[in-house]
Each structure stands twice: as C-alpha cells, then as structure tokens.
C-alpha cells in the first residue's frame, strides 16, 4: 500500500488502539522491507511504549461553562492515576471494560450498539467513589466537572430546572466526565412526601435528563444511600458499581502500598487488625499522620508508636462522631 494511504489510515485510526497498532505495524513492515532497519527499530520501540506512559490528554477544546450555573459546578484537573487507587478485582474488571468500550466506541456503534456512558457509584463515604471519578477522567484524558447536587437542589426552584438543562446540554456537547456528587439528594427529595411539589417536579426533570442524555464522555453519579433509591433511578444508568468498605485483605494491601517507599520499624501487614473497619479515606489519614509524627521527631523511620498514635487519633474521631450521630 502506498505510503500516503497508510498515513491516512493511521490518522483515521487514532483513538482506536487495535486498528492504530495494525496500521503502525504495516508502516514498520514497509520500512523493514526497504532495509531502513534503524527507522523500523525506532518506530517499533515507540509503538511498544505506547500506553506505558501517562495517557494523552484530550485534544478537544474545553467549552466555557454557563456562568449562571457556575455556582453548582467545579472543574477539577485530574492528577490521580490508576496507581493511586486500590480497587477490588471485580471493579478493576468493570473499569477496564468501560475504558475499552470508550476507546473503541466507533467500532461498537457501527454494529448498532451503544457504549456504556452513564454510571452510578454506590457505597459508604470514604471508599473511593470521588477518587475513582478523578482517576477515570485522567485515564481517558477527559476534563472532569463536578456538579454539587445538594447546592443545585437548594437553589431557587425557578432557576434550578434551567440550570439542570444547561448542565446536561454542556455534557452533550463537551467530551468530559460529568460527576454528579451527593446524588442521594435526589433520593431524599423523591421520598419525602412533604416536599414542595415544585421541587419534586425539578427532581423528575433531572431524572428525565439523565435518562435521555447520550453524553460525549461519561456521566457519573455517586450516592452513599443506595438503599434509598427506587427502581426509577436504577434503570437510568448503564452500569452500577459498588465501592465496598475494605475488608482485612484489602486493608492489608492498602497498608503495604502506603508504606511501600517509606522506612518503617514494623511490618504493615501485621497491623491489619488495628485498623480493620476503617474506610480508605480514614486509612489514608492514619498512614499520613504516622509519617508526619516521625518527621516531627526528626526520625528517619516511622515507628510503631507513631502508627499507634495515629490510630488512637482515628479512634478519637470515630468516638466523637458516633456521639454526634446518636
């Protein structure tokens, strides 16, 4: 095949990994047949390293968000990568599949099928839902926009419906990850029979927009109260992902990873019983506090006493928080 045609195919296949690699292999093979071994070897090494570095950022221009709804949405620059999150084997499989679908979306659509793009994250606080949204956006090279639904639902009702429409119209035009935080605000509004009828209408409109939208990127929603959601909510999402609190095995993996590059005077895997039951967020606080205590002692290693002090702080917070809840 002529070089010009190969280059056209290469550019046309950008974003579709298998097609891109197949065309690149044809170009490399052509250089090898021409005895251009140095160029062929360089191209092959470059091809092999694709995917081993940070994912390319989106080339799409980021559209300006409507000023009127700026109070309810925040753009977050995703810096966290897959190495910064600990997920179960099940969730790893789910997200790997979602990434593959997105990257080969055109091929899937050619067969008359839709790509899963509306996801609901369920689980207790501090177990990785928000972090996963950031990692997901980073892996895809898409901008991340976080919508604070609790603020949106408490705004002037006459403006809320209009702002909701602007948010979803933006997500339809702008390839991005749109993250609906505090999605349980919707569940509370629908379940409370005493709520204002106008608010219920706004909530119903929001659910209708979720049902109808086909985002350019992804629509993610997170809730801590999945048991409060009725069937009308569940069916509006293409995939449901549960983020469970870490069990002993996952807690052990977290501790080992947290102290992997830090000098410690203990074996992290032997301290699992001390912190089992804490969320990933609380485990993060414990590990970081232990390191800070060692720094304040001008020590080169984190001691068991440092770790125990950090755990005691976590227990203190837990005890006082439980009193407030009761």
Protein backbone atom coordinates (compact mmCIF):
# COMPACT_ATOMS: atom_id res chain seq x y z
CA UNK A 1 0.00 0.00 0.00
CA UNK A 2 1.25 3.49 -0.85
CA UNK A 3 2.83 5.45 1.99
CA UNK A 4 0.22 8.22 1.68
CA UNK A 5 -2.67 5.78 2.08
CA UNK A 6 -1.03 4.21 5.13
CA UNK A 7 -0.61 7.60 6.77
CA UNK A 8 -4.28 8.39 6.13
CA UNK A 9 -5.30 5.10 7.72
CA UNK A 10 -3.01 5.78 10.69
CA UNK A 11 -4.56 9.17 11.38
CA UNK A 12 -8.09 7.84 10.87
CA UNK A 13 -7.50 5.07 13.40
CA UNK A 14 -6.27 7.41 16.17
CA UNK A 15 -8.12 6.62 19.40
CA UNK A 16 -8.85 3.03 18.33
CA UNK A 17 -5.91 1.12 19.77
CA UNK A 18 -6.06 -2.17 17.85
CA UNK A 19 -6.61 -0.51 14.45
CA UNK A 20 -3.88 2.05 15.18
CA UNK A 21 -1.37 -0.66 16.07
CA UNK A 22 -2.26 -2.73 13.00
CA UNK A 23 -1.61 0.20 10.64
CA UNK A 24 1.58 1.12 12.52
CA UNK A 25 2.82 -2.46 12.08
CA UNK A 26 2.21 -2.15 8.33
CA UNK A 27 4.32 1.02 8.20
CA UNK A 28 7.10 -0.63 10.22
CA UNK A 29 6.99 -3.69 7.95
CA UNK A 30 7.33 -1.48 4.89
CA UNK A 31 10.42 0.20 6.35
CA UNK A 32 11.92 -3.21 7.13
CA UNK A 33 11.37 -4.36 3.54
CA UNK A 34 13.15 -1.19 2.37
CA UNK A 35 16.09 -2.13 4.64
CA UNK A 36 15.54 1.01 6.77
CA UNK A 37 16.29 -1.01 9.90
CA UNK A 38 17.22 1.91 12.17
CA UNK A 39 13.95 3.72 11.46
CA UNK A 40 11.97 0.47 11.72
CA UNK A 41 13.50 -0.37 15.12
CA UNK A 42 12.86 3.15 16.43
CA UNK A 43 9.23 3.02 15.30
CA UNK A 44 8.75 -0.42 16.87
CA UNK A 45 10.17 0.72 20.25
CA UNK A 46 7.91 3.78 20.17
CA UNK A 47 4.89 1.58 19.43
CA UNK A 48 5.77 -0.80 22.25
CA UNK A 49 6.00 2.09 24.74
CA UNK A 50 2.57 3.50 23.87
CA UNK A 51 0.33 3.04 26.91
CA UNK A 52 3.26 2.68 29.33
CA UNK A 53 3.44 6.44 29.89
CA UNK A 54 0.76 8.83 31.08
CA UNK A 55 -2.33 8.73 28.85
CA UNK A 56 -2.63 11.53 26.31
CA UNK A 57 -4.78 14.43 27.33
CA UNK A 58 -7.90 15.22 25.35
CA UNK A 59 -7.30 17.32 22.26
CA UNK A 60 -10.85 18.67 22.39
CA UNK A 61 -11.26 22.34 23.20
CA UNK A 62 -12.93 22.82 26.56
CA UNK A 63 -16.13 24.78 26.10
CA UNK A 64 -16.93 27.59 28.57
CA UNK A 65 -19.48 26.57 31.16
CA UNK A 66 -22.63 28.76 31.52
CA UNK A 67 -21.93 31.48 34.09
CA UNK A 68 -25.40 31.14 35.61
CA UNK A 69 -24.70 27.58 36.72
CA UNK A 70 -21.11 28.18 37.76
CA UNK A 71 -22.09 28.05 41.44
CA UNK A 72 -23.11 24.42 41.11
CA UNK A 73 -20.24 23.02 39.08
CA UNK A 74 -16.49 22.91 39.54
CA UNK A 75 -13.84 21.89 37.08
CA UNK A 76 -11.28 19.57 38.67
CA UNK A 77 -7.95 18.95 36.99
CA UNK A 78 -7.48 15.18 37.32
CA UNK A 79 -3.99 14.35 38.60
CA UNK A 80 -4.60 10.94 40.18
CA UNK A 81 -3.76 7.86 38.13
CA UNK A 82 -4.64 4.18 38.40
CA UNK A 83 -1.63 3.72 40.70
CA UNK A 84 -3.29 5.99 43.29
CA UNK A 85 -6.40 3.87 43.80
CA UNK A 86 -6.97 0.43 45.26
CA UNK A 87 -9.95 -1.42 43.81
CA UNK A 88 -11.39 -4.90 44.07
CA UNK A 89 -10.79 -7.37 41.25
CA UNK A 90 -14.45 -7.01 40.25
CA UNK A 91 -14.27 -3.21 39.92
CA UNK A 92 -10.95 -3.41 38.11
CA UNK A 93 -12.58 -5.70 35.55
CA UNK A 94 -15.57 -3.37 35.18
CA UNK A 95 -13.49 -0.23 34.63
CA UNK A 96 -11.10 -1.97 32.25
CA UNK A 97 -14.10 -2.95 30.16
CA UNK A 98 -15.54 0.58 30.25
CA UNK A 99 -12.24 2.08 29.10
CA UNK A 100 -12.02 -0.40 26.22
CA UNK A 101 -15.59 0.38 25.17
CA UNK A 102 -14.92 4.12 25.10
CA UNK A 103 -11.70 3.76 23.14
CA UNK A 104 -13.40 1.56 20.56
CA UNK A 105 -16.75 3.35 20.63
CA UNK A 106 -16.92 3.93 16.88
CA UNK A 107 -16.44 0.24 16.18
CA UNK A 108 -19.19 -0.66 18.67
CA UNK A 109 -21.60 1.92 17.23
CA UNK A 110 -21.02 0.57 13.71
CA UNK A 111 -22.70 -2.63 14.93
CA UNK A 112 -25.75 -0.70 16.14
CA UNK A 113 -24.76 -0.96 19.81
CA UNK A 114 -24.43 1.76 22.44
CA UNK A 115 -21.44 2.41 24.68
CA UNK A 116 -21.97 2.36 28.44
CA UNK A 117 -21.59 6.00 29.44
CA UNK A 118 -23.89 6.55 32.46
CA UNK A 119 -22.55 5.04 35.68
CA UNK A 120 -23.86 5.00 39.25
CA UNK A 121 -21.32 4.66 42.09
CA UNK A 122 -22.71 3.25 45.35
CA UNK A 123 -21.03 2.73 48.71
CA UNK A 124 -20.24 4.21 52.11
CA UNK A 125 -18.32 7.50 52.44
CA UNK A 126 -14.55 7.41 52.06
CA UNK A 127 -14.36 4.25 49.95
CA UNK A 128 -13.11 5.71 46.67
CA UNK A 129 -16.10 6.95 44.67
CA UNK A 130 -14.85 10.51 44.15
CA UNK A 131 -11.24 9.40 43.72
CA UNK A 132 -12.32 6.88 41.10
CA UNK A 133 -14.11 9.62 39.14
CA UNK A 134 -10.84 11.58 39.01
CA UNK A 135 -8.78 8.53 38.04
CA UNK A 136 -11.34 7.60 35.39
CA UNK A 137 -11.17 11.07 33.83
CA UNK A 138 -7.37 11.00 33.91
CA UNK A 139 -7.18 7.58 32.26
CA UNK A 140 -9.48 8.79 29.48
CA UNK A 141 -7.74 12.15 29.09
CA UNK A 142 -11.05 13.98 29.63
CA UNK A 143 -11.79 17.09 31.71
CA UNK A 144 -13.66 16.44 34.97
CA UNK A 145 -16.61 18.58 36.05
CA UNK A 146 -18.15 18.02 39.50
CA UNK A 147 -21.79 19.02 39.99
CA UNK A 148 -22.87 19.66 43.58
CA UNK A 149 -26.44 18.41 43.51
CA UNK A 150 -27.14 19.38 47.10
CA UNK A 151 -26.45 23.03 46.21
CA UNK A 152 -28.34 22.74 42.96
CA UNK A 153 -31.46 21.34 44.62
CA UNK A 154 -31.44 24.07 47.28
CA UNK A 155 -31.20 26.92 44.77
CA UNK A 156 -34.17 28.98 43.66
CA UNK A 157 -36.55 26.44 42.17
CA UNK A 158 -37.46 28.61 39.22
CA UNK A 159 -33.80 28.65 38.17
CA UNK A 160 -32.93 25.07 39.08
CA UNK A 161 -34.67 23.45 36.11
CA UNK A 162 -32.98 25.89 33.74
CA UNK A 163 -29.55 25.23 35.29
CA UNK A 164 -30.06 21.47 35.07
CA UNK A 165 -30.83 21.80 31.38
CA UNK A 166 -27.67 23.88 30.83
CA UNK A 167 -25.54 21.31 32.66
CA UNK A 168 -26.76 18.43 30.53
CA UNK A 169 -26.60 20.39 27.31
CA UNK A 170 -22.98 21.18 28.17
CA UNK A 171 -22.22 17.49 28.81
CA UNK A 172 -23.81 16.55 25.49
CA UNK A 173 -21.55 18.94 23.56
CA UNK A 174 -18.34 18.76 25.60
CA UNK A 175 -16.44 15.45 25.82
CA UNK A 176 -15.91 15.23 29.59
CA UNK A 177 -16.61 13.27 32.75
CA UNK A 178 -19.60 14.91 34.44
CA UNK A 179 -19.72 13.82 38.08
CA UNK A 180 -23.00 14.25 39.98
CA UNK A 181 -21.84 14.35 43.59
CA UNK A 182 -24.25 13.77 46.52
CA UNK A 183 -26.74 12.01 44.24
CA UNK A 184 -28.68 10.90 47.31
CA UNK A 185 -30.05 14.46 47.47
CA UNK A 186 -32.38 13.27 44.72
CA UNK A 187 -33.48 10.22 46.71
CA UNK A 188 -34.37 12.36 49.72
CA UNK A 189 -36.38 14.75 47.59
CA UNK A 190 -38.38 11.99 45.90
CA UNK A 191 -39.06 10.00 49.05
CA UNK A 192 -40.19 12.92 51.20
CA UNK A 193 -43.95 13.29 50.67
CA UNK A 194 -43.83 16.65 52.43
CA UNK A 195 -41.52 18.21 49.87
CA UNK A 196 -42.73 21.10 47.77
CA UNK A 197 -44.44 19.90 44.58
CA UNK A 198 -42.18 22.21 42.54
CA UNK A 199 -39.09 20.52 43.95
CA UNK A 200 -40.47 17.10 43.06
CA UNK A 201 -41.05 18.34 39.54
CA UNK A 202 -37.45 19.54 39.32
CA UNK A 203 -36.18 16.16 40.53
CA UNK A 204 -38.32 14.34 37.99
CA UNK A 205 -36.93 16.58 35.24
CA UNK A 206 -33.39 15.82 36.38
CA UNK A 207 -34.03 12.07 36.20
CA UNK A 208 -35.59 12.54 32.76
CA UNK A 209 -32.48 14.37 31.54
CA UNK A 210 -30.29 11.52 32.84
CA UNK A 211 -32.49 9.02 31.02
CA UNK A 212 -32.36 10.86 27.70
CA UNK A 213 -28.81 12.18 27.54
CA UNK A 214 -26.14 10.49 25.47
CA UNK A 215 -23.03 12.26 26.81
CA UNK A 216 -19.95 12.90 24.68
CA UNK A 217 -17.93 11.42 27.53
CA UNK A 218 -19.31 9.94 30.74
CA UNK A 219 -21.99 10.80 33.26
CA UNK A 220 -21.11 9.54 36.75
CA UNK A 221 -23.31 9.78 39.84
CA UNK A 222 -22.34 8.88 43.40
CA UNK A 223 -24.55 8.03 46.36
CA UNK A 224 -23.95 6.94 49.95
CA UNK A 225 -27.59 5.91 50.32
CA UNK A 226 -28.15 3.35 47.57
CA UNK A 227 -30.90 1.65 49.60
CA UNK A 228 -32.96 4.84 49.32
CA UNK A 229 -33.01 4.81 45.53
CA UNK A 230 -36.10 3.42 43.84
CA UNK A 231 -36.31 1.43 40.62
CA UNK A 232 -36.97 4.57 38.60
CA UNK A 233 -33.43 5.69 39.39
CA UNK A 234 -31.59 2.39 38.91
CA UNK A 235 -32.76 1.80 35.35
CA UNK A 236 -31.46 5.16 34.13
CA UNK A 237 -27.84 4.03 34.41
CA UNK A 238 -25.91 1.72 32.10
CA UNK A 239 -23.75 0.30 34.89
CA UNK A 240 -23.85 0.17 38.69
CA UNK A 241 -20.54 -0.01 40.56
CA UNK A 242 -20.36 -0.77 44.28
CA UNK A 243 -17.48 0.55 46.36
CA UNK A 244 -17.36 -1.59 49.48
CA UNK A 245 -15.55 -0.75 52.70
CA UNK A 246 -12.17 -2.51 52.74
CA UNK A 247 -12.08 -5.95 54.34
CA UNK A 248 -8.97 -7.39 56.03
CA UNK A 249 -7.37 -8.42 52.75
CA UNK A 250 -7.87 -5.01 51.10
CA UNK A 251 -6.80 -3.23 54.30
CA UNK A 252 -3.58 -5.24 54.27
CA UNK A 253 -2.94 -4.35 50.62
CA UNK A 254 -3.56 -0.68 51.42
CA UNK A 255 -1.10 -0.60 54.35
CA UNK A 256 1.62 -2.36 52.39
CA UNK A 257 1.16 0.05 49.49
CA UNK A 258 1.02 3.13 51.74
CA UNK A 259 4.39 2.36 53.37
CA UNK A 260 6.00 0.82 50.30
CA UNK A 261 8.59 3.57 49.79
CA UNK A 262 8.85 4.65 53.43
CA UNK A 263 11.27 3.35 56.04
CA UNK A 264 9.29 1.80 58.90
CA UNK A 265 10.17 -0.09 62.09
CA UNK A 266 7.26 -2.51 61.74
CA UNK A 267 5.65 -4.84 59.23
CA UNK A 268 2.47 -3.16 57.92
CA UNK A 269 0.75 -6.47 57.18
CA UNK A 270 0.91 -7.39 60.88
CA UNK A 271 -1.05 -4.29 61.92
CA UNK A 272 -4.18 -5.03 59.92
CA UNK A 273 -6.27 -5.92 62.98
CA UNK A 274 -5.67 -2.46 64.44
CA UNK A 275 -7.32 -0.68 61.52
CA UNK A 276 -9.80 -3.15 60.03
CA UNK A 277 -13.18 -1.49 59.61
CA UNK A 278 -11.87 1.92 58.62
CA UNK A 279 -12.61 3.40 55.20
CA UNK A 280 -9.88 4.06 52.65
CA UNK A 281 -10.17 7.74 53.46
CA UNK A 282 -9.56 7.12 57.16
CA UNK A 283 -6.71 4.71 56.41
CA UNK A 284 -5.11 7.45 54.34
CA UNK A 285 -5.33 9.85 57.29
CA UNK A 286 -3.81 7.28 59.65
CA UNK A 287 -0.84 6.48 57.43
CA UNK A 288 -0.09 10.11 56.62
CA UNK A 289 -0.37 11.13 60.28
CA UNK A 290 2.08 8.38 61.29
CA UNK A 291 4.60 9.70 58.76
CA UNK A 292 4.13 13.29 59.98
CA UNK A 293 4.74 12.23 63.56
CA UNK A 294 8.05 10.67 62.57
CA UNK A 295 9.04 13.88 60.76
CA UNK A 296 8.23 15.94 63.84
CA UNK A 297 10.54 13.65 65.85
CA UNK A 298 13.28 14.26 63.28
CA UNK A 299 13.36 10.49 62.82
CA UNK A 300 14.35 8.70 59.64
CA UNK A 301 11.87 5.90 60.14
CA UNK A 302 8.21 5.62 61.15
CA UNK A 303 7.95 3.82 64.47
CA UNK A 304 5.20 1.57 65.78
CA UNK A 305 4.48 4.26 68.35
CA UNK A 306 3.88 6.77 65.55
CA UNK A 307 1.44 4.39 63.91
CA UNK A 308 -0.39 3.63 67.16
CA UNK A 309 -0.72 7.35 67.93
CA UNK A 310 -2.28 7.91 64.51
CA UNK A 311 -4.70 5.02 65.13
CA UNK A 312 -5.65 6.50 68.51
CA UNK A 313 -6.47 9.79 66.79
CA UNK A 314 -8.73 7.89 64.38
CA UNK A 315 -10.48 6.17 67.29
CA UNK A 316 -10.98 9.54 68.97
CA UNK A 317 -12.58 10.99 65.83
CA UNK A 318 -14.76 7.92 65.42
CA UNK A 319 -15.96 8.03 69.02
CA UNK A 320 -16.88 11.72 68.93
CA UNK A 321 -18.56 11.37 65.52
CA UNK A 322 -20.72 8.49 66.74
CA UNK A 323 -21.92 10.66 69.65
CA UNK A 324 -22.99 13.36 67.22
CA UNK A 325 -24.88 10.85 65.09
CA UNK A 326 -26.66 9.36 68.10
